[in-house]
């Protein structure tokens, strides 16, 4: 099962500065500084390169672990309520649906070419889906 981070309240997907700082520390960042403000940024050095972080990748394993360990209150900004959802990455492609910042997970089914052919046997449909690159290897 794969995990993804979502926001459960109106306001949008935003991490707290201490949440971002914790993720950067766990990744081995050094020289971490925080620009405070409503939408603060955390700066640091990671693998010899400067990083400026306002938000984190929703599927970043370190970010997910920090959210699990530290909790939503620690990781969420004053206008977010972060939480984790799980999904089967072999069967679905995740898509985040959002309304005024409140998010939900929509799952797009992955299909195999054989499944499509067994159902309708229409070559144009298969070619169209192949062009969209939606097939998984069997």
N, C-alpha and C. Protein backbone atom coordinates (compact mmCIF):
# COMPACT_ATOMS: atom_id res chain seq x y z
N UNK A 1 0.83 -1.19 0.00
CA UNK A 1 0.00 0.00 0.00
C UNK A 1 0.88 1.25 0.00
N UNK A 2 0.47 2.22 -0.78
CA UNK A 2 1.17 3.50 -0.83
C UNK A 2 0.42 4.50 0.05
N UNK A 3 1.12 5.56 0.43
CA UNK A 3 0.52 6.58 1.27
C UNK A 3 0.66 7.95 0.61
N UNK A 4 -0.30 8.81 0.89
CA UNK A 4 -0.29 10.17 0.36
C UNK A 4 -0.83 11.11 1.45
N UNK A 5 -0.27 12.32 1.48
CA UNK A 5 -0.69 13.31 2.47
C UNK A 5 -1.71 14.26 1.85
N UNK A 6 -2.80 14.50 2.59
CA UNK A 6 -3.86 15.39 2.14
C UNK A 6 -4.17 16.42 3.22
N UNK A 7 -4.91 17.45 2.85
CA UNK A 7 -5.38 18.46 3.79
C UNK A 7 -6.86 18.25 4.03
N UNK A 8 -7.27 18.22 5.30
CA UNK A 8 -8.66 17.94 5.64
C UNK A 8 -9.49 19.13 6.06
N UNK A 9 -9.03 20.35 5.77
CA UNK A 9 -9.86 21.51 6.12
C UNK A 9 -9.70 22.57 5.03
N UNK A 10 -10.60 23.55 5.05
CA UNK A 10 -10.49 24.65 4.10
C UNK A 10 -9.22 25.43 4.39
N UNK A 11 -8.50 25.82 3.36
CA UNK A 11 -7.28 26.58 3.55
C UNK A 11 -6.14 26.12 2.68
N UNK A 12 -6.01 24.84 2.43
CA UNK A 12 -4.98 24.37 1.52
C UNK A 12 -3.92 23.51 2.16
N UNK A 13 -3.14 22.88 1.31
CA UNK A 13 -2.07 21.97 1.73
C UNK A 13 -0.85 22.80 2.12
N UNK A 14 -0.65 22.97 3.42
CA UNK A 14 0.51 23.73 3.92
C UNK A 14 1.08 23.03 5.14
N UNK A 15 2.39 22.93 5.16
CA UNK A 15 3.10 22.37 6.33
C UNK A 15 3.48 23.50 7.28
N UNK A 16 3.57 23.17 8.56
CA UNK A 16 4.11 24.12 9.53
C UNK A 16 5.62 24.22 9.33
N UNK A 17 6.20 25.30 9.80
CA UNK A 17 7.66 25.44 9.67
C UNK A 17 8.38 24.36 10.47
N UNK A 18 7.85 24.01 11.68
CA UNK A 18 8.53 22.97 12.46
C UNK A 18 8.39 21.60 11.80
N UNK A 19 7.29 21.37 11.08
CA UNK A 19 7.13 20.11 10.35
C UNK A 19 8.13 20.00 9.21
N UNK A 20 8.25 21.09 8.43
CA UNK A 20 9.22 21.10 7.33
C UNK A 20 10.64 20.96 7.87
N UNK A 21 10.92 21.67 8.95
CA UNK A 21 12.24 21.62 9.56
C UNK A 21 12.59 20.19 10.00
N UNK A 22 11.62 19.49 10.59
CA UNK A 22 11.84 18.11 11.03
C UNK A 22 12.12 17.19 9.84
N UNK A 23 11.39 17.37 8.75
CA UNK A 23 11.61 16.56 7.55
C UNK A 23 13.03 16.79 7.03
N UNK A 24 13.43 18.06 6.93
CA UNK A 24 14.78 18.38 6.44
C UNK A 24 15.86 17.80 7.35
N UNK A 25 15.66 17.86 8.66
CA UNK A 25 16.63 17.27 9.61
C UNK A 25 16.76 15.78 9.37
N UNK A 26 15.63 15.10 9.21
CA UNK A 26 15.66 13.64 9.01
C UNK A 26 16.29 13.27 7.67
N UNK A 27 16.24 14.17 6.71
CA UNK A 27 16.89 13.93 5.42
C UNK A 27 18.37 14.26 5.47
N UNK A 28 18.83 14.84 6.58
CA UNK A 28 20.24 15.16 6.74
C UNK A 28 20.62 16.57 6.36
N UNK A 29 19.65 17.47 6.27
CA UNK A 29 19.94 18.86 5.92
C UNK A 29 20.70 19.55 7.05
N UNK A 30 21.51 20.51 6.68
CA UNK A 30 22.25 21.31 7.66
C UNK A 30 21.96 22.78 7.40
N UNK A 31 22.46 23.64 8.28
CA UNK A 31 22.30 25.10 8.15
C UNK A 31 20.83 25.47 7.94
N UNK A 32 19.94 24.87 8.71
CA UNK A 32 18.51 25.11 8.55
C UNK A 32 18.11 26.44 9.18
N UNK A 33 17.44 27.27 8.40
CA UNK A 33 16.91 28.55 8.90
C UNK A 33 15.45 28.67 8.48
N UNK A 34 14.71 29.50 9.22
CA UNK A 34 13.29 29.68 8.95
C UNK A 34 13.01 31.16 8.70
N UNK A 35 12.35 31.44 7.58
CA UNK A 35 11.82 32.78 7.32
C UNK A 35 10.39 32.78 7.84
N UNK A 36 10.16 33.48 8.94
CA UNK A 36 8.82 33.45 9.53
C UNK A 36 7.88 34.33 8.74
N UNK A 37 6.61 34.12 8.96
CA UNK A 37 5.56 34.85 8.26
C UNK A 37 4.38 33.95 8.08
N UNK A 38 3.33 34.44 7.43
CA UNK A 38 2.12 33.65 7.26
C UNK A 38 2.41 32.36 6.51
N UNK A 39 3.14 32.44 5.42
CA UNK A 39 3.55 31.26 4.66
C UNK A 39 5.07 31.20 4.69
N UNK A 40 5.60 30.72 5.79
CA UNK A 40 7.04 30.73 6.00
C UNK A 40 7.74 29.71 5.12
N UNK A 41 9.00 29.98 4.84
CA UNK A 41 9.84 29.04 4.11
C UNK A 41 10.95 28.57 5.03
N UNK A 42 11.38 27.35 4.82
CA UNK A 42 12.50 26.78 5.56
C UNK A 42 13.63 26.59 4.57
N UNK A 43 14.81 27.07 4.92
CA UNK A 43 15.99 26.97 4.05
C UNK A 43 17.01 26.06 4.72
N UNK A 44 17.78 25.40 3.91
CA UNK A 44 18.84 24.56 4.44
C UNK A 44 19.75 24.09 3.32
N UNK A 45 20.70 23.25 3.69
CA UNK A 45 21.61 22.65 2.73
C UNK A 45 21.44 21.15 2.80
N UNK A 46 21.19 20.54 1.65
CA UNK A 46 20.97 19.10 1.57
C UNK A 46 21.80 18.55 0.43
N UNK A 47 22.69 17.61 0.74
CA UNK A 47 23.59 17.02 -0.26
C UNK A 47 24.39 18.09 -0.99
N UNK A 48 24.81 19.11 -0.25
CA UNK A 48 25.64 20.17 -0.82
C UNK A 48 24.89 21.22 -1.60
N UNK A 49 23.56 21.09 -1.69
CA UNK A 49 22.77 22.06 -2.44
C UNK A 49 21.80 22.78 -1.52
N UNK A 50 21.60 24.07 -1.80
CA UNK A 50 20.66 24.87 -1.03
C UNK A 50 19.24 24.44 -1.36
N UNK A 51 18.42 24.29 -0.32
CA UNK A 51 17.01 23.95 -0.53
C UNK A 51 16.13 25.00 0.13
N UNK A 52 15.08 25.39 -0.55
CA UNK A 52 14.07 26.31 -0.03
C UNK A 52 12.75 25.55 -0.07
N UNK A 53 12.16 25.36 1.08
CA UNK A 53 10.96 24.54 1.14
C UNK A 53 9.79 25.35 1.69
N UNK A 54 8.74 25.41 0.91
CA UNK A 54 7.48 26.02 1.34
C UNK A 54 6.48 24.91 1.66
N UNK A 55 6.46 23.88 0.84
CA UNK A 55 5.64 22.70 1.06
C UNK A 55 6.43 21.47 0.67
N UNK A 56 5.91 20.32 1.03
CA UNK A 56 6.60 19.06 0.78
C UNK A 56 5.79 18.18 -0.16
N UNK A 57 6.50 17.34 -0.90
CA UNK A 57 5.87 16.38 -1.79
C UNK A 57 4.92 15.50 -0.99
N UNK A 58 3.71 15.33 -1.46
CA UNK A 58 2.67 14.57 -0.77
C UNK A 58 3.01 13.09 -0.56
N UNK A 59 3.88 12.56 -1.41
CA UNK A 59 4.21 11.14 -1.32
C UNK A 59 5.65 10.91 -0.83
N UNK A 60 6.28 11.94 -0.33
CA UNK A 60 7.65 11.84 0.19
C UNK A 60 7.64 10.92 1.42
N UNK A 61 8.39 9.82 1.39
CA UNK A 61 8.36 8.87 2.51
C UNK A 61 8.82 9.47 3.83
N UNK A 62 9.78 10.38 3.79
CA UNK A 62 10.24 11.01 5.04
C UNK A 62 9.15 11.93 5.59
N UNK A 63 8.50 12.69 4.72
CA UNK A 63 7.41 13.56 5.17
C UNK A 63 6.27 12.73 5.76
N UNK A 64 5.94 11.63 5.13
CA UNK A 64 4.89 10.75 5.65
C UNK A 64 5.27 10.22 7.02
N UNK A 65 6.53 9.81 7.19
CA UNK A 65 6.98 9.29 8.48
C UNK A 65 6.94 10.36 9.56
N UNK A 66 7.33 11.59 9.22
CA UNK A 66 7.26 12.69 10.19
C UNK A 66 5.82 12.94 10.61
N UNK A 67 4.90 12.96 9.66
CA UNK A 67 3.50 13.17 9.99
C UNK A 67 2.97 12.04 10.88
N UNK A 68 3.36 10.81 10.59
CA UNK A 68 2.95 9.69 11.43
C UNK A 68 3.54 9.79 12.83
N UNK A 69 4.81 10.16 12.92
CA UNK A 69 5.50 10.23 14.21
C UNK A 69 5.08 11.43 15.05
N UNK A 70 4.98 12.59 14.43
CA UNK A 70 4.78 13.84 15.16
C UNK A 70 3.31 14.26 15.24
N UNK A 71 2.50 13.77 14.33
CA UNK A 71 1.08 14.08 14.36
C UNK A 71 0.71 15.30 13.54
N UNK A 72 -0.59 15.41 13.25
CA UNK A 72 -1.11 16.47 12.40
C UNK A 72 -0.94 17.85 13.02
N UNK A 73 -1.15 17.95 14.32
CA UNK A 73 -1.06 19.25 14.98
C UNK A 73 0.34 19.85 14.82
N UNK A 74 1.37 19.03 14.94
CA UNK A 74 2.75 19.48 14.82
C UNK A 74 3.09 19.86 13.38
N UNK A 75 2.59 19.08 12.42
CA UNK A 75 3.00 19.23 11.03
C UNK A 75 2.14 20.21 10.22
N UNK A 76 0.92 20.45 10.65
CA UNK A 76 0.01 21.31 9.90
C UNK A 76 0.26 22.78 10.21
N UNK A 77 0.04 23.63 9.21
CA UNK A 77 0.14 25.07 9.44
C UNK A 77 -1.15 25.53 10.13
N UNK A 78 -1.25 26.84 10.35
CA UNK A 78 -2.46 27.36 11.00
C UNK A 78 -3.68 27.34 10.08
N UNK A 79 -3.48 26.99 8.81
CA UNK A 79 -4.63 26.93 7.88
C UNK A 79 -4.70 25.57 7.18
N UNK A 80 -4.24 24.52 7.86
CA UNK A 80 -4.34 23.18 7.28
C UNK A 80 -4.53 22.15 8.38
N UNK A 81 -4.95 20.97 7.97
CA UNK A 81 -5.12 19.82 8.85
C UNK A 81 -4.66 18.59 8.08
N UNK A 82 -3.36 18.32 8.11
CA UNK A 82 -2.78 17.26 7.30
C UNK A 82 -3.13 15.88 7.84
N UNK A 83 -3.38 14.95 6.92
CA UNK A 83 -3.63 13.56 7.28
C UNK A 83 -3.14 12.66 6.15
N UNK A 84 -3.06 11.37 6.43
CA UNK A 84 -2.54 10.39 5.47
C UNK A 84 -3.64 9.45 5.04
N UNK A 85 -3.68 9.17 3.75
CA UNK A 85 -4.56 8.12 3.22
C UNK A 85 -3.70 7.08 2.53
N UNK A 86 -4.15 5.85 2.57
CA UNK A 86 -3.46 4.76 1.89
C UNK A 86 -4.25 4.33 0.67
N UNK A 87 -3.52 3.84 -0.33
CA UNK A 87 -4.17 3.32 -1.54
C UNK A 87 -3.27 2.25 -2.14
N UNK A 88 -3.85 1.40 -2.95
CA UNK A 88 -3.10 0.34 -3.61
C UNK A 88 -2.52 0.90 -4.91
N UNK A 89 -1.21 1.14 -4.91
CA UNK A 89 -0.57 1.75 -6.08
C UNK A 89 -0.51 0.83 -7.29
N UNK A 90 -0.72 -0.47 -7.08
CA UNK A 90 -0.75 -1.39 -8.22
C UNK A 90 -2.06 -1.32 -8.98
N UNK A 91 -3.12 -0.91 -8.30
CA UNK A 91 -4.44 -0.87 -8.92
C UNK A 91 -4.94 0.54 -9.23
N UNK A 92 -4.33 1.55 -8.60
CA UNK A 92 -4.85 2.91 -8.75
C UNK A 92 -3.75 3.95 -8.91
N UNK A 93 -4.09 5.04 -9.59
CA UNK A 93 -3.25 6.23 -9.71
C UNK A 93 -3.93 7.29 -8.84
N UNK A 94 -3.19 7.90 -7.89
CA UNK A 94 -3.83 8.88 -7.01
C UNK A 94 -4.04 10.22 -7.71
N UNK A 95 -5.15 10.86 -7.38
CA UNK A 95 -5.44 12.20 -7.87
C UNK A 95 -6.07 12.96 -6.71
N UNK A 96 -5.57 14.16 -6.44
CA UNK A 96 -6.08 14.95 -5.33
C UNK A 96 -7.15 15.89 -5.85
N UNK A 97 -8.35 15.76 -5.28
CA UNK A 97 -9.45 16.66 -5.60
C UNK A 97 -9.51 17.71 -4.50
N UNK A 98 -9.79 18.95 -4.87
CA UNK A 98 -9.72 20.04 -3.91
C UNK A 98 -10.87 21.01 -4.10
N UNK A 99 -11.44 21.46 -2.98
CA UNK A 99 -12.48 22.47 -2.99
C UNK A 99 -12.16 23.49 -1.91
N UNK A 100 -11.72 24.68 -2.30
CA UNK A 100 -11.34 25.74 -1.36
C UNK A 100 -10.28 25.27 -0.36
N UNK A 101 -9.41 24.40 -0.80
CA UNK A 101 -8.32 23.94 0.04
C UNK A 101 -8.57 22.62 0.73
N UNK A 102 -9.84 22.22 0.91
CA UNK A 102 -10.15 20.92 1.51
C UNK A 102 -9.99 19.86 0.43
N UNK A 103 -9.23 18.83 0.75
CA UNK A 103 -8.86 17.84 -0.26
C UNK A 103 -9.45 16.47 0.02
N UNK A 104 -9.60 15.71 -1.05
CA UNK A 104 -9.98 14.31 -0.94
C UNK A 104 -9.20 13.54 -2.00
N UNK A 105 -9.06 12.26 -1.77
CA UNK A 105 -8.30 11.41 -2.68
C UNK A 105 -9.24 10.74 -3.66
N UNK A 106 -8.98 10.93 -4.93
CA UNK A 106 -9.71 10.21 -5.97
C UNK A 106 -8.75 9.20 -6.58
N UNK A 107 -9.23 8.01 -6.78
CA UNK A 107 -8.38 6.95 -7.30
C UNK A 107 -8.79 6.60 -8.72
N UNK A 108 -7.84 6.69 -9.64
CA UNK A 108 -8.06 6.37 -11.04
C UNK A 108 -7.59 4.93 -11.24
N UNK A 109 -8.49 4.05 -11.66
CA UNK A 109 -8.10 2.64 -11.80
C UNK A 109 -7.02 2.44 -12.88
N UNK A 110 -6.07 1.60 -12.56
CA UNK A 110 -5.10 1.14 -13.57
C UNK A 110 -5.71 -0.10 -14.22
N UNK A 111 -5.49 -0.25 -15.49
CA UNK A 111 -6.04 -1.41 -16.19
C UNK A 111 -4.95 -2.05 -17.04
N UNK A 112 -5.17 -3.31 -17.37
CA UNK A 112 -4.26 -3.98 -18.29
C UNK A 112 -4.94 -4.05 -19.65
N UNK A 113 -4.14 -4.14 -20.67
CA UNK A 113 -4.68 -4.23 -22.02
C UNK A 113 -5.56 -5.47 -22.16
N UNK A 114 -5.16 -6.57 -21.54
CA UNK A 114 -5.94 -7.81 -21.62
C UNK A 114 -7.33 -7.63 -21.02
N UNK A 115 -7.44 -6.88 -19.93
CA UNK A 115 -8.74 -6.62 -19.31
C UNK A 115 -9.67 -5.88 -20.26
N UNK A 116 -9.14 -4.86 -20.94
CA UNK A 116 -9.95 -4.09 -21.88
C UNK A 116 -10.39 -4.98 -23.04
N UNK A 117 -9.45 -5.73 -23.60
CA UNK A 117 -9.79 -6.59 -24.74
C UNK A 117 -10.83 -7.65 -24.36
N UNK A 118 -10.74 -8.19 -23.16
CA UNK A 118 -11.70 -9.20 -22.71
C UNK A 118 -13.11 -8.62 -22.57
N UNK A 119 -13.19 -7.36 -22.22
CA UNK A 119 -14.49 -6.73 -22.01
C UNK A 119 -15.16 -6.30 -23.31
N UNK A 120 -14.39 -5.69 -24.21
CA UNK A 120 -15.05 -5.11 -25.38
C UNK A 120 -14.39 -5.44 -26.71
N UNK A 121 -13.12 -5.86 -26.70
CA UNK A 121 -12.41 -6.25 -27.91
C UNK A 121 -12.49 -5.18 -29.01
N UNK A 122 -12.33 -3.93 -28.66
CA UNK A 122 -12.37 -2.83 -29.62
C UNK A 122 -10.97 -2.24 -29.73
N UNK A 123 -10.34 -2.45 -30.88
CA UNK A 123 -8.96 -2.03 -31.06
C UNK A 123 -8.76 -0.53 -30.91
N UNK A 124 -9.73 0.26 -31.35
CA UNK A 124 -9.58 1.72 -31.21
C UNK A 124 -9.52 2.15 -29.75
N UNK A 125 -10.29 1.50 -28.90
CA UNK A 125 -10.29 1.83 -27.47
C UNK A 125 -8.93 1.48 -26.88
N UNK A 126 -8.43 0.31 -27.22
CA UNK A 126 -7.13 -0.12 -26.70
C UNK A 126 -6.03 0.82 -27.17
N UNK A 127 -6.05 1.19 -28.43
CA UNK A 127 -5.02 2.09 -28.95
C UNK A 127 -5.09 3.45 -28.26
N UNK A 128 -6.30 3.95 -28.06
CA UNK A 128 -6.48 5.22 -27.37
C UNK A 128 -5.92 5.14 -25.94
N UNK A 129 -6.24 4.09 -25.22
CA UNK A 129 -5.74 3.93 -23.85
C UNK A 129 -4.22 3.71 -23.83
N UNK A 130 -3.69 3.01 -24.82
CA UNK A 130 -2.24 2.82 -24.91
C UNK A 130 -1.56 4.17 -25.11
N UNK A 131 -2.16 5.00 -25.94
CA UNK A 131 -1.63 6.35 -26.17
C UNK A 131 -1.61 7.17 -24.88
N UNK A 132 -2.61 6.98 -24.02
CA UNK A 132 -2.68 7.70 -22.74
C UNK A 132 -1.73 7.11 -21.69
N UNK A 133 -1.11 5.98 -22.02
CA UNK A 133 -0.15 5.33 -21.13
C UNK A 133 -0.78 4.92 -19.80
N UNK A 134 -1.98 4.33 -19.85
CA UNK A 134 -2.67 3.93 -18.63
C UNK A 134 -2.49 2.45 -18.31
N UNK A 135 -1.87 1.70 -19.20
CA UNK A 135 -1.72 0.27 -18.97
C UNK A 135 -0.57 -0.01 -18.01
N UNK A 136 -0.75 -1.03 -17.19
CA UNK A 136 0.32 -1.54 -16.35
C UNK A 136 0.79 -2.86 -16.93
N UNK A 137 2.04 -3.22 -16.64
CA UNK A 137 2.56 -4.48 -17.17
C UNK A 137 1.93 -5.65 -16.43
N UNK A 138 1.65 -6.67 -17.19
CA UNK A 138 1.00 -7.87 -16.60
C UNK A 138 2.02 -8.79 -16.01
